[in-house]
Protein backbone atom coordinates (compact mmCIF):
# COMPACT_ATOMS: atom_id res chain seq x y z
CA SER A 1 0.00 0.00 0.00
CA GLU A 2 1.20 3.51 -0.74
CA ASN A 3 0.16 4.86 2.65
CA PRO A 4 0.69 2.20 5.34
CA LYS A 5 -1.49 2.73 8.40
CA SER A 6 -0.85 1.50 11.93
CA MET A 7 -3.49 -0.96 13.10
CA THR A 8 -4.28 -3.09 16.11
CA ILE A 9 -5.98 -6.34 15.06
CA LEU A 10 -7.93 -8.52 17.49
CA LEU A 11 -8.33 -12.26 16.96
CA ILE A 12 -11.49 -13.34 18.77
CA ARG A 13 -12.57 -16.90 19.60
CA GLY A 14 -16.08 -17.44 20.95
CA GLY A 15 -16.46 -13.76 21.81
CA GLU A 16 -13.14 -13.56 23.72
CA VAL A 17 -9.97 -11.81 22.47
CA ILE A 18 -7.23 -14.45 22.28
CA LYS A 19 -4.55 -12.50 20.41
CA THR A 20 -3.72 -8.85 19.70
CA ILE A 21 -1.53 -8.06 16.69
CA GLU A 22 -0.03 -4.64 16.01
CA GLY A 23 1.41 -3.65 12.65
CA LYS A 24 1.17 -1.51 9.55
CA THR A 25 -1.04 -2.24 6.57
CA PRO A 26 -1.05 -4.46 4.71
CA ILE A 27 -1.02 -6.98 7.59
CA GLU A 28 -0.76 -10.72 7.03
CA LEU A 29 -1.81 -12.95 9.93
CA GLU A 30 -1.19 -16.60 10.67
CA TYR A 31 -2.12 -18.04 14.05
CA ARG A 32 -2.16 -21.59 15.40
CA ASP A 33 -4.65 -21.93 18.25
CA GLU A 34 -3.13 -24.34 20.78
CA ASN A 35 -6.07 -24.02 23.21
CA ILE A 36 -9.07 -24.68 20.96
CA PRO A 37 -11.84 -26.51 22.84
CA GLN A 38 -11.97 -30.16 21.74
CA GLY A 39 -15.23 -31.63 20.44
CA LYS A 40 -17.10 -28.30 20.66
CA LYS A 41 -18.08 -25.86 17.97
CA THR A 42 -16.67 -22.37 18.28
CA TYR A 43 -16.05 -19.42 16.00
CA TYR A 44 -13.33 -16.92 15.20
CA ARG A 45 -13.58 -13.33 14.12
CA VAL A 46 -10.96 -10.77 13.13
CA MET A 47 -11.49 -7.07 13.76
CA ASP A 48 -9.48 -3.94 14.31
CA THR A 49 -9.79 -1.79 17.41
CA LYS A 50 -11.59 0.94 15.42
CA GLU A 51 -14.17 -1.62 14.26
CA SER A 52 -13.72 -0.62 10.62
CA LEU A 53 -12.42 -4.08 9.68
CA VAL A 54 -14.58 -6.99 10.77
CA SER A 55 -14.65 -10.53 9.38
CA ASN A 56 -17.67 -12.75 9.19
CA PRO A 57 -17.55 -15.46 11.85
CA ILE A 58 -15.44 -18.49 10.92
CA PHE A 59 -17.04 -21.57 12.49
CA VAL A 60 -14.87 -24.57 13.43
CA GLU A 61 -15.13 -27.79 15.37
CA TYR A 62 -11.87 -29.39 16.50
CA ASN A 63 -11.95 -33.15 16.72
CA PRO A 64 -8.39 -34.57 17.09
CA THR A 65 -9.55 -38.16 16.48
CA SER A 66 -10.94 -37.43 13.00
CA PRO A 67 -8.77 -38.25 9.97
CA ASN A 68 -7.40 -35.20 8.17
């Protein structure tokens, strides 16, 4: 981007902030959730602290016994 902007991005799981990322746009994010609840459905959302960037919910269910 021609004019990078400072942003604070929140990664939210089930309505709770689990990670805060600070950087300049464009921001690329990769996160491995080591504490995801097993056998339960949950959702993730990504938003900035100004609430101008908001993702749709991303629904997941972690089941470690299922084949990949």
